[in-house]
Amino acid sequence: QAAVLGAAKATNEYVQGDLEAAKNAQNAAHGVRLDALKDFGG
């Protein structure tokens, strides 16, 4: 029982971490000024 519940909980935490990382990446992308990147790179 502990092994099954532990694996399920760990997987749920992993999925929640992925969702949180994706949310943080989207929030960071919203803060980027695209006009400032226009001349970046040469």
All heavy atoms as atom14 arrays in JSON, in Angstrom:
{
  "sequence": "QAAVLGAAKATNEYVQGDLEAAKNAQNAAHGVRLDALKDFGG",
  "atom14_mask": [
    [1, 1, 1, 1, 1, 1, 1, 1, 1, 0, 0, 0, 0, 0],
    [1, 1, 1, 1, 1, 0, 0, 0, 0, 0, 0, 0, 0, 0],
    [1, 1, 1, 1, 1, 0, 0, 0, 0, 0, 0, 0, 0, 0],
    [1, 1, 1, 1, 1, 1, 1, 0, 0, 0, 0, 0, 0, 0],
    [1, 1, 1, 1, 1, 1, 1, 1, 0, 0, 0, 0, 0, 0],
    [1, 1, 1, 1, 0, 0, 0, 0, 0, 0, 0, 0, 0, 0],
    [1, 1, 1, 1, 1, 0, 0, 0, 0, 0, 0, 0, 0, 0],
    [1, 1, 1, 1, 1, 0, 0, 0, 0, 0, 0, 0, 0, 0],
    [1, 1, 1, 1, 1, 1, 1, 1, 1, 0, 0, 0, 0, 0],
    [1, 1, 1, 1, 1, 0, 0, 0, 0, 0, 0, 0, 0, 0],
    [1, 1, 1, 1, 1, 1, 1, 0, 0, 0, 0, 0, 0, 0],
    [1, 1, 1, 1, 1, 1, 1, 1, 0, 0, 0, 0, 0, 0],
    [1, 1, 1, 1, 1, 1, 1, 1, 1, 0, 0, 0, 0, 0],
    [1, 1, 1, 1, 1, 1, 1, 1, 1, 1, 1, 1, 0, 0],
    [1, 1, 1, 1, 1, 1, 1, 0, 0, 0, 0, 0, 0, 0],
    [1, 1, 1, 1, 1, 1, 1, 1, 1, 0, 0, 0, 0, 0],
    [1, 1, 1, 1, 0, 0, 0, 0, 0, 0, 0, 0, 0, 0],
    [1, 1, 1, 1, 1, 1, 1, 1, 0, 0, 0, 0, 0, 0],
    [1, 1, 1, 1, 1, 1, 1, 1, 0, 0, 0, 0, 0, 0],
    [1, 1, 1, 1, 1, 1, 1, 1, 1, 0, 0, 0, 0, 0],
    [1, 1, 1, 1, 1, 0, 0, 0, 0, 0, 0, 0, 0, 0],
    [1, 1, 1, 1, 1, 0, 0, 0, 0, 0, 0, 0, 0, 0],
    [1, 1, 1, 1, 1, 1, 1, 1, 1, 0, 0, 0, 0, 0],
    [1, 1, 1, 1, 1, 1, 1, 1, 0, 0, 0, 0, 0, 0],
    [1, 1, 1, 1, 1, 0, 0, 0, 0, 0, 0, 0, 0, 0],
    [1, 1, 1, 1, 1, 1, 1, 1, 1, 0, 0, 0, 0, 0],
    [1, 1, 1, 1, 1, 1, 1, 1, 0, 0, 0, 0, 0, 0],
    [1, 1, 1, 1, 1, 0, 0, 0, 0, 0, 0, 0, 0, 0],
    [1, 1, 1, 1, 1, 0, 0, 0, 0, 0, 0, 0, 0, 0],
    [1, 1, 1, 1, 1, 1, 1, 1, 1, 1, 0, 0, 0, 0],
    [1, 1, 1, 1, 0, 0, 0, 0, 0, 0, 0, 0, 0, 0],
    [1, 1, 1, 1, 1, 1, 1, 0, 0, 0, 0, 0, 0, 0],
    [1, 1, 1, 1, 1, 1, 1, 1, 1, 1, 1, 0, 0, 0],
    [1, 1, 1, 1, 1, 1, 1, 1, 0, 0, 0, 0, 0, 0],
    [1, 1, 1, 1, 1, 1, 1, 1, 0, 0, 0, 0, 0, 0],
    [1, 1, 1, 1, 1, 0, 0, 0, 0, 0, 0, 0, 0, 0],
    [1, 1, 1, 1, 1, 1, 1, 1, 0, 0, 0, 0, 0, 0],
    [1, 1, 1, 1, 1, 1, 1, 1, 1, 0, 0, 0, 0, 0],
    [1, 1, 1, 1, 1, 1, 1, 1, 0, 0, 0, 0, 0, 0],
    [1, 1, 1, 1, 1, 1, 1, 1, 1, 1, 1, 0, 0, 0],
    [1, 1, 1, 1, 0, 0, 0, 0, 0, 0, 0, 0, 0, 0],
    [1, 1, 1, 1, 0, 0, 0, 0, 0, 0, 0, 0, 0, 0]
  ],
  "atom14_positions": [
    [[0.82, -1.2, 0.0], [0.0, 0.0, 0.0], [0.86, 1.26, 0.0], [0.61, 2.2, -0.76], [-0.93, 0.0, 1.21], [-1.85, 1.22, 1.24], [-2.77, 1.21, 2.45], [-2.52, 0.52, 3.43], [-3.83, 1.97, 2.37], [0.0, 0.0, 0.0], [0.0, 0.0, 0.0], [0.0, 0.0, 0.0], [0.0, 0.0, 0.0], [0.0, 0.0, 0.0]],
    [[1.9, 1.29, 0.82], [2.77, 2.46, 0.89], [3.5, 2.7, -0.43], [3.65, 3.85, -0.87], [3.79, 2.3, 2.03], [0.0, 0.0, 0.0], [0.0, 0.0, 0.0], [0.0, 0.0, 0.0], [0.0, 0.0, 0.0], [0.0, 0.0, 0.0], [0.0, 0.0, 0.0], [0.0, 0.0, 0.0], [0.0, 0.0, 0.0], [0.0, 0.0, 0.0]],
    [[3.92, 1.63, -1.09], [4.63, 1.77, -2.37], [3.71, 2.35, -3.44], [4.09, 3.26, -4.18], [5.18, 0.41, -2.82], [0.0, 0.0, 0.0], [0.0, 0.0, 0.0], [0.0, 0.0, 0.0], [0.0, 0.0, 0.0], [0.0, 0.0, 0.0], [0.0, 0.0, 0.0], [0.0, 0.0, 0.0], [0.0, 0.0, 0.0], [0.0, 0.0, 0.0]],
    [[2.49, 1.83, -3.52], [1.55, 2.33, -4.52], [1.18, 3.78, -4.24], [1.22, 4.62, -5.16], [0.29, 1.43, -4.56], [-0.82, 2.07, -5.39], [0.64, 0.06, -5.12], [0.0, 0.0, 0.0], [0.0, 0.0, 0.0], [0.0, 0.0, 0.0], [0.0, 0.0, 0.0], [0.0, 0.0, 0.0], [0.0, 0.0, 0.0], [0.0, 0.0, 0.0]],
    [[0.84, 4.08, -2.99], [0.48, 5.46, -2.66], [1.66, 6.41, -2.84], [1.49, 7.54, -3.32], [-0.06, 5.54, -1.23], [-1.39, 4.82, -0.98], [-1.78, 4.89, 0.49], [-2.49, 5.4, -1.85], [0.0, 0.0, 0.0], [0.0, 0.0, 0.0], [0.0, 0.0, 0.0], [0.0, 0.0, 0.0], [0.0, 0.0, 0.0], [0.0, 0.0, 0.0]],
    [[2.86, 5.97, -2.48], [4.05, 6.81, -2.64], [4.35, 7.1, -4.1], [4.67, 8.24, -4.46], [0.0, 0.0, 0.0], [0.0, 0.0, 0.0], [0.0, 0.0, 0.0], [0.0, 0.0, 0.0], [0.0, 0.0, 0.0], [0.0, 0.0, 0.0], [0.0, 0.0, 0.0], [0.0, 0.0, 0.0], [0.0, 0.0, 0.0], [0.0, 0.0, 0.0]],
    [[4.25, 6.09, -4.95], [4.5, 6.29, -6.39], [3.46, 7.22, -6.99], [3.79, 8.1, -7.81], [4.51, 4.95, -7.12], [0.0, 0.0, 0.0], [0.0, 0.0, 0.0], [0.0, 0.0, 0.0], [0.0, 0.0, 0.0], [0.0, 0.0, 0.0], [0.0, 0.0, 0.0], [0.0, 0.0, 0.0], [0.0, 0.0, 0.0], [0.0, 0.0, 0.0]],
    [[2.21, 7.06, -6.59], [1.14, 7.94, -7.1], [1.37, 9.38, -6.66], [1.26, 10.31, -7.46], [-0.22, 7.44, -6.63], [0.0, 0.0, 0.0], [0.0, 0.0, 0.0], [0.0, 0.0, 0.0], [0.0, 0.0, 0.0], [0.0, 0.0, 0.0], [0.0, 0.0, 0.0], [0.0, 0.0, 0.0], [0.0, 0.0, 0.0], [0.0, 0.0, 0.0]],
    [[1.73, 9.57, -5.39], [1.96, 10.92, -4.88], [3.17, 11.57, -5.56], [3.12, 12.73, -5.96], [2.18, 10.89, -3.37], [2.35, 12.26, -2.76], [2.49, 12.2, -1.26], [2.67, 13.61, -0.71], [2.85, 13.62, 0.73], [0.0, 0.0, 0.0], [0.0, 0.0, 0.0], [0.0, 0.0, 0.0], [0.0, 0.0, 0.0], [0.0, 0.0, 0.0]],
    [[4.25, 10.81, -5.71], [5.45, 11.35, -6.37], [5.16, 11.74, -7.81], [5.61, 12.8, -8.29], [6.58, 10.31, -6.32], [0.0, 0.0, 0.0], [0.0, 0.0, 0.0], [0.0, 0.0, 0.0], [0.0, 0.0, 0.0], [0.0, 0.0, 0.0], [0.0, 0.0, 0.0], [0.0, 0.0, 0.0], [0.0, 0.0, 0.0], [0.0, 0.0, 0.0]],
    [[4.39, 10.92, -8.52], [4.05, 11.24, -9.9], [3.18, 12.49, -9.97], [3.38, 13.35, -10.84], [3.34, 10.04, -10.58], [4.2, 8.91, -10.47], [3.05, 10.31, -12.03], [0.0, 0.0, 0.0], [0.0, 0.0, 0.0], [0.0, 0.0, 0.0], [0.0, 0.0, 0.0], [0.0, 0.0, 0.0], [0.0, 0.0, 0.0], [0.0, 0.0, 0.0]],
    [[2.22, 12.61, -9.07], [1.38, 13.81, -9.03], [2.21, 15.06, -8.76], [1.99, 16.11, -9.37], [0.27, 13.66, -7.99], [-0.82, 12.71, -8.44], [-1.02, 12.5, -9.63], [-1.52, 12.13, -7.49], [0.0, 0.0, 0.0], [0.0, 0.0, 0.0], [0.0, 0.0, 0.0], [0.0, 0.0, 0.0], [0.0, 0.0, 0.0], [0.0, 0.0, 0.0]],
    [[3.17, 14.95, -7.85], [4.05, 16.08, -7.55], [4.89, 16.44, -8.78], [5.12, 17.62, -9.07], [4.96, 15.77, -6.36], [4.22, 15.62, -5.04], [3.6, 16.91, -4.54], [4.15, 18.0, -4.82], [2.55, 16.82, -3.9], [0.0, 0.0, 0.0], [0.0, 0.0, 0.0], [0.0, 0.0, 0.0], [0.0, 0.0, 0.0], [0.0, 0.0, 0.0]],
    [[5.35, 15.45, -9.5], [6.12, 15.66, -10.73], [5.29, 16.42, -11.75], [5.75, 17.4, -12.35], [6.57, 14.31, -11.29], [7.24, 14.39, -12.64], [8.56, 14.75, -12.77], [6.52, 14.1, -13.8], [9.18, 14.81, -14.01], [7.11, 14.16, -15.05], [8.44, 14.52, -15.15], [9.04, 14.58, -16.38], [0.0, 0.0, 0.0], [0.0, 0.0, 0.0]],
    [[4.04, 15.99, -11.93], [3.15, 16.66, -12.88], [2.88, 18.09, -12.43], [2.91, 19.02, -13.26], [1.83, 15.87, -13.04], [0.79, 16.67, -13.82], [2.1, 14.54, -13.73], [0.0, 0.0, 0.0], [0.0, 0.0, 0.0], [0.0, 0.0, 0.0], [0.0, 0.0, 0.0], [0.0, 0.0, 0.0], [0.0, 0.0, 0.0], [0.0, 0.0, 0.0]],
    [[2.64, 18.29, -11.15], [2.41, 19.65, -10.64], [3.64, 20.53, -10.85], [3.52, 21.71, -11.19], [2.02, 19.61, -9.16], [0.66, 19.01, -8.89], [-0.45, 19.72, -9.64], [-0.52, 20.95, -9.69], [-1.33, 18.94, -10.24], [0.0, 0.0, 0.0], [0.0, 0.0, 0.0], [0.0, 0.0, 0.0], [0.0, 0.0, 0.0], [0.0, 0.0, 0.0]],
    [[4.82, 19.97, -10.67], [6.06, 20.72, -10.92], [6.19, 21.12, -12.39], [6.6, 22.25, -12.69], [0.0, 0.0, 0.0], [0.0, 0.0, 0.0], [0.0, 0.0, 0.0], [0.0, 0.0, 0.0], [0.0, 0.0, 0.0], [0.0, 0.0, 0.0], [0.0, 0.0, 0.0], [0.0, 0.0, 0.0], [0.0, 0.0, 0.0], [0.0, 0.0, 0.0]],
    [[5.85, 20.2, -13.29], [5.87, 20.53, -14.72], [4.9, 21.64, -15.04], [5.22, 22.56, -15.81], [5.52, 19.29, -15.55], [6.71, 18.43, -15.88], [7.85, 18.8, -15.49], [6.51, 17.38, -16.53], [0.0, 0.0, 0.0], [0.0, 0.0, 0.0], [0.0, 0.0, 0.0], [0.0, 0.0, 0.0], [0.0, 0.0, 0.0], [0.0, 0.0, 0.0]],
    [[3.71, 21.58, -14.48], [2.71, 22.63, -14.74], [3.17, 23.98, -14.19], [2.99, 25.02, -14.84], [1.36, 22.24, -14.13], [0.66, 21.03, -14.76], [-0.59, 20.65, -13.96], [0.31, 21.33, -16.21], [0.0, 0.0, 0.0], [0.0, 0.0, 0.0], [0.0, 0.0, 0.0], [0.0, 0.0, 0.0], [0.0, 0.0, 0.0], [0.0, 0.0, 0.0]],
    [[3.78, 23.95, -13.02], [4.28, 25.19, -12.43], [5.43, 25.77, -13.26], [5.5, 26.98, -13.49], [4.74, 24.96, -10.99], [5.12, 26.23, -10.27], [5.47, 25.99, -8.82], [5.0, 25.0, -8.24], [6.22, 26.83, -8.27], [0.0, 0.0, 0.0], [0.0, 0.0, 0.0], [0.0, 0.0, 0.0], [0.0, 0.0, 0.0], [0.0, 0.0, 0.0]],
    [[6.32, 24.9, -13.75], [7.43, 25.37, -14.6], [6.9, 25.97, -15.9], [7.39, 27.01, -16.36], [8.38, 24.21, -14.89], [0.0, 0.0, 0.0], [0.0, 0.0, 0.0], [0.0, 0.0, 0.0], [0.0, 0.0, 0.0], [0.0, 0.0, 0.0], [0.0, 0.0, 0.0], [0.0, 0.0, 0.0], [0.0, 0.0, 0.0], [0.0, 0.0, 0.0]],
    [[5.89, 25.35, -16.48], [5.29, 25.89, -17.71], [4.63, 27.23, -17.44], [4.76, 28.17, -18.25], [4.27, 24.9, -18.27], [0.0, 0.0, 0.0], [0.0, 0.0, 0.0], [0.0, 0.0, 0.0], [0.0, 0.0, 0.0], [0.0, 0.0, 0.0], [0.0, 0.0, 0.0], [0.0, 0.0, 0.0], [0.0, 0.0, 0.0], [0.0, 0.0, 0.0]],
    [[3.96, 27.36, -16.32], [3.32, 28.63, -15.97], [4.37, 29.72, -15.77], [4.21, 30.85, -16.26], [2.5, 28.45, -14.68], [1.8, 29.7, -14.21], [1.04, 29.43, -12.92], [0.5, 30.72, -12.37], [-0.13, 30.52, -11.06], [0.0, 0.0, 0.0], [0.0, 0.0, 0.0], [0.0, 0.0, 0.0], [0.0, 0.0, 0.0], [0.0, 0.0, 0.0]],
    [[5.46, 29.37, -15.09], [6.53, 30.35, -14.88], [7.16, 30.76, -16.21], [7.49, 31.94, -16.41], [7.59, 29.79, -13.94], [7.09, 29.67, -12.52], [6.11, 30.29, -12.13], [7.74, 28.83, -11.73], [0.0, 0.0, 0.0], [0.0, 0.0, 0.0], [0.0, 0.0, 0.0], [0.0, 0.0, 0.0], [0.0, 0.0, 0.0], [0.0, 0.0, 0.0]],
    [[7.32, 29.82, -17.12], [7.89, 30.14, -18.43], [6.96, 31.05, -19.21], [7.41, 32.0, -19.87], [8.15, 28.85, -19.22], [0.0, 0.0, 0.0], [0.0, 0.0, 0.0], [0.0, 0.0, 0.0], [0.0, 0.0, 0.0], [0.0, 0.0, 0.0], [0.0, 0.0, 0.0], [0.0, 0.0, 0.0], [0.0, 0.0, 0.0], [0.0, 0.0, 0.0]],
    [[5.67, 30.83, -19.14], [4.72, 31.71, -19.82], [4.73, 33.1, -19.22], [4.7, 34.1, -19.94], [3.31, 31.13, -19.74], [3.08, 29.96, -20.66], [1.68, 29.39, -20.52], [0.97, 29.67, -19.55], [1.29, 28.57, -21.49], [0.0, 0.0, 0.0], [0.0, 0.0, 0.0], [0.0, 0.0, 0.0], [0.0, 0.0, 0.0], [0.0, 0.0, 0.0]],
    [[4.79, 33.18, -17.89], [4.84, 34.49, -17.24], [6.12, 35.23, -17.61], [6.1, 36.44, -17.83], [4.73, 34.33, -15.73], [3.35, 33.92, -15.29], [2.37, 34.07, -16.02], [3.25, 33.37, -14.09], [0.0, 0.0, 0.0], [0.0, 0.0, 0.0], [0.0, 0.0, 0.0], [0.0, 0.0, 0.0], [0.0, 0.0, 0.0], [0.0, 0.0, 0.0]],
    [[7.22, 34.53, -17.7], [8.48, 35.16, -18.09], [8.42, 35.63, -19.53], [8.94, 36.71, -19.87], [9.64, 34.18, -17.91], [0.0, 0.0, 0.0], [0.0, 0.0, 0.0], [0.0, 0.0, 0.0], [0.0, 0.0, 0.0], [0.0, 0.0, 0.0], [0.0, 0.0, 0.0], [0.0, 0.0, 0.0], [0.0, 0.0, 0.0], [0.0, 0.0, 0.0]],
    [[7.77, 34.89, -20.39], [7.66, 35.27, -21.8], [6.81, 36.52, -21.95], [7.07, 37.34, -22.84], [7.07, 34.13, -22.62], [0.0, 0.0, 0.0], [0.0, 0.0, 0.0], [0.0, 0.0, 0.0], [0.0, 0.0, 0.0], [0.0, 0.0, 0.0], [0.0, 0.0, 0.0], [0.0, 0.0, 0.0], [0.0, 0.0, 0.0], [0.0, 0.0, 0.0]],
    [[5.83, 36.7, -21.11], [4.98, 37.89, -21.18], [5.76, 39.15, -20.81], [5.41, 40.25, -21.27], [3.75, 37.75, -20.26], [2.76, 36.76, -20.75], [1.98, 36.96, -21.86], [2.41, 35.55, -20.25], [1.2, 35.92, -22.05], [1.45, 35.02, -21.08], [0.0, 0.0, 0.0], [0.0, 0.0, 0.0], [0.0, 0.0, 0.0], [0.0, 0.0, 0.0]],
    [[6.79, 39.01, -20.01], [7.57, 40.15, -19.58], [8.66, 40.56, -20.55], [9.33, 41.58, -20.36], [0.0, 0.0, 0.0], [0.0, 0.0, 0.0], [0.0, 0.0, 0.0], [0.0, 0.0, 0.0], [0.0, 0.0, 0.0], [0.0, 0.0, 0.0], [0.0, 0.0, 0.0], [0.0, 0.0, 0.0], [0.0, 0.0, 0.0], [0.0, 0.0, 0.0]],
    [[8.86, 39.83, -21.6], [9.92, 40.13, -22.57], [9.39, 41.14, -23.58], [8.32, 40.97, -24.15], [10.38, 38.83, -23.28], [11.37, 39.16, -24.38], [11.0, 37.88, -22.28], [0.0, 0.0, 0.0], [0.0, 0.0, 0.0], [0.0, 0.0, 0.0], [0.0, 0.0, 0.0], [0.0, 0.0, 0.0], [0.0, 0.0, 0.0], [0.0, 0.0, 0.0]],
    [[10.19, 42.17, -23.8], [9.83, 43.16, -24.82], [10.38, 42.68, -26.16], [11.58, 42.59, -26.35], [10.43, 44.51, -24.46], [9.76, 45.16, -23.27], [10.26, 46.55, -22.97], [10.62, 47.3, -24.18], [11.65, 48.15, -24.24], [12.4, 48.34, -23.19], [11.91, 48.79, -25.35], [0.0, 0.0, 0.0], [0.0, 0.0, 0.0], [0.0, 0.0, 0.0]],
    [[9.48, 42.34, -27.05], [9.89, 41.82, -28.35], [10.62, 42.88, -29.17], [11.52, 42.54, -29.93], [8.69, 41.27, -29.12], [8.02, 40.05, -28.47], [6.82, 39.64, -29.28], [9.0, 38.92, -28.36], [0.0, 0.0, 0.0], [0.0, 0.0, 0.0], [0.0, 0.0, 0.0], [0.0, 0.0, 0.0], [0.0, 0.0, 0.0], [0.0, 0.0, 0.0]],
    [[10.24, 44.17, -29.01], [10.92, 45.22, -29.77], [12.38, 45.35, -29.36], [13.23, 45.71, -30.17], [10.18, 46.56, -29.63], [10.14, 47.06, -28.2], [10.11, 46.23, -27.27], [10.13, 48.3, -28.02], [0.0, 0.0, 0.0], [0.0, 0.0, 0.0], [0.0, 0.0, 0.0], [0.0, 0.0, 0.0], [0.0, 0.0, 0.0], [0.0, 0.0, 0.0]],
    [[12.72, 44.98, -28.09], [14.1, 45.05, -27.63], [14.92, 43.9, -28.23], [16.14, 44.01, -28.34], [14.15, 44.99, -26.11], [0.0, 0.0, 0.0], [0.0, 0.0, 0.0], [0.0, 0.0, 0.0], [0.0, 0.0, 0.0], [0.0, 0.0, 0.0], [0.0, 0.0, 0.0], [0.0, 0.0, 0.0], [0.0, 0.0, 0.0], [0.0, 0.0, 0.0]],
    [[14.27, 42.82, -28.62], [14.97, 41.69, -29.19], [15.14, 41.81, -30.7], [15.84, 40.99, -31.31], [14.21, 40.39, -28.87], [14.15, 39.99, -27.4], [13.27, 38.77, -27.22], [15.54, 39.7, -26.87], [0.0, 0.0, 0.0], [0.0, 0.0, 0.0], [0.0, 0.0, 0.0], [0.0, 0.0, 0.0], [0.0, 0.0, 0.0], [0.0, 0.0, 0.0]],
    [[14.53, 42.82, -31.29], [14.53, 42.95, -32.73], [15.93, 43.02, -33.31], [16.23, 42.36, -34.3], [13.72, 44.21, -33.11], [13.65, 44.48, -34.57], [12.65, 45.57, -34.89], [13.27, 46.92, -34.62], [12.43, 48.03, -35.04], [0.0, 0.0, 0.0], [0.0, 0.0, 0.0], [0.0, 0.0, 0.0], [0.0, 0.0, 0.0], [0.0, 0.0, 0.0]],
    [[16.78, 43.74, -32.71], [18.14, 43.9, -33.23], [19.12, 42.96, -32.57], [20.31, 43.03, -32.84], [18.6, 45.34, -33.02], [17.8, 46.3, -33.88], [17.38, 45.89, -34.97], [17.56, 47.44, -33.43], [0.0, 0.0, 0.0], [0.0, 0.0, 0.0], [0.0, 0.0, 0.0], [0.0, 0.0, 0.0], [0.0, 0.0, 0.0], [0.0, 0.0, 0.0]],
    [[18.66, 42.11, -31.7], [19.55, 41.19, -31.01], [20.0, 40.09, -31.95], [19.24, 39.51, -32.68], [18.81, 40.57, -29.8], [19.67, 39.69, -28.97], [20.62, 40.24, -28.11], [19.57, 38.31, -29.03], [21.42, 39.43, -27.34], [20.37, 37.5, -28.27], [21.31, 38.07, -27.41], [0.0, 0.0, 0.0], [0.0, 0.0, 0.0], [0.0, 0.0, 0.0]],
    [[21.28, 39.8, -31.93], [21.79, 38.7, -32.73], [22.46, 39.14, -34.02], [22.78, 38.33, -34.85], [0.0, 0.0, 0.0], [0.0, 0.0, 0.0], [0.0, 0.0, 0.0], [0.0, 0.0, 0.0], [0.0, 0.0, 0.0], [0.0, 0.0, 0.0], [0.0, 0.0, 0.0], [0.0, 0.0, 0.0], [0.0, 0.0, 0.0], [0.0, 0.0, 0.0]],
    [[22.64, 40.37, -34.21], [23.36, 40.81, -35.42], [22.51, 41.6, -36.38], [21.33, 41.82, -36.16], [0.0, 0.0, 0.0], [0.0, 0.0, 0.0], [0.0, 0.0, 0.0], [0.0, 0.0, 0.0], [0.0, 0.0, 0.0], [0.0, 0.0, 0.0], [0.0, 0.0, 0.0], [0.0, 0.0, 0.0], [0.0, 0.0, 0.0], [0.0, 0.0, 0.0]]
  ]
}
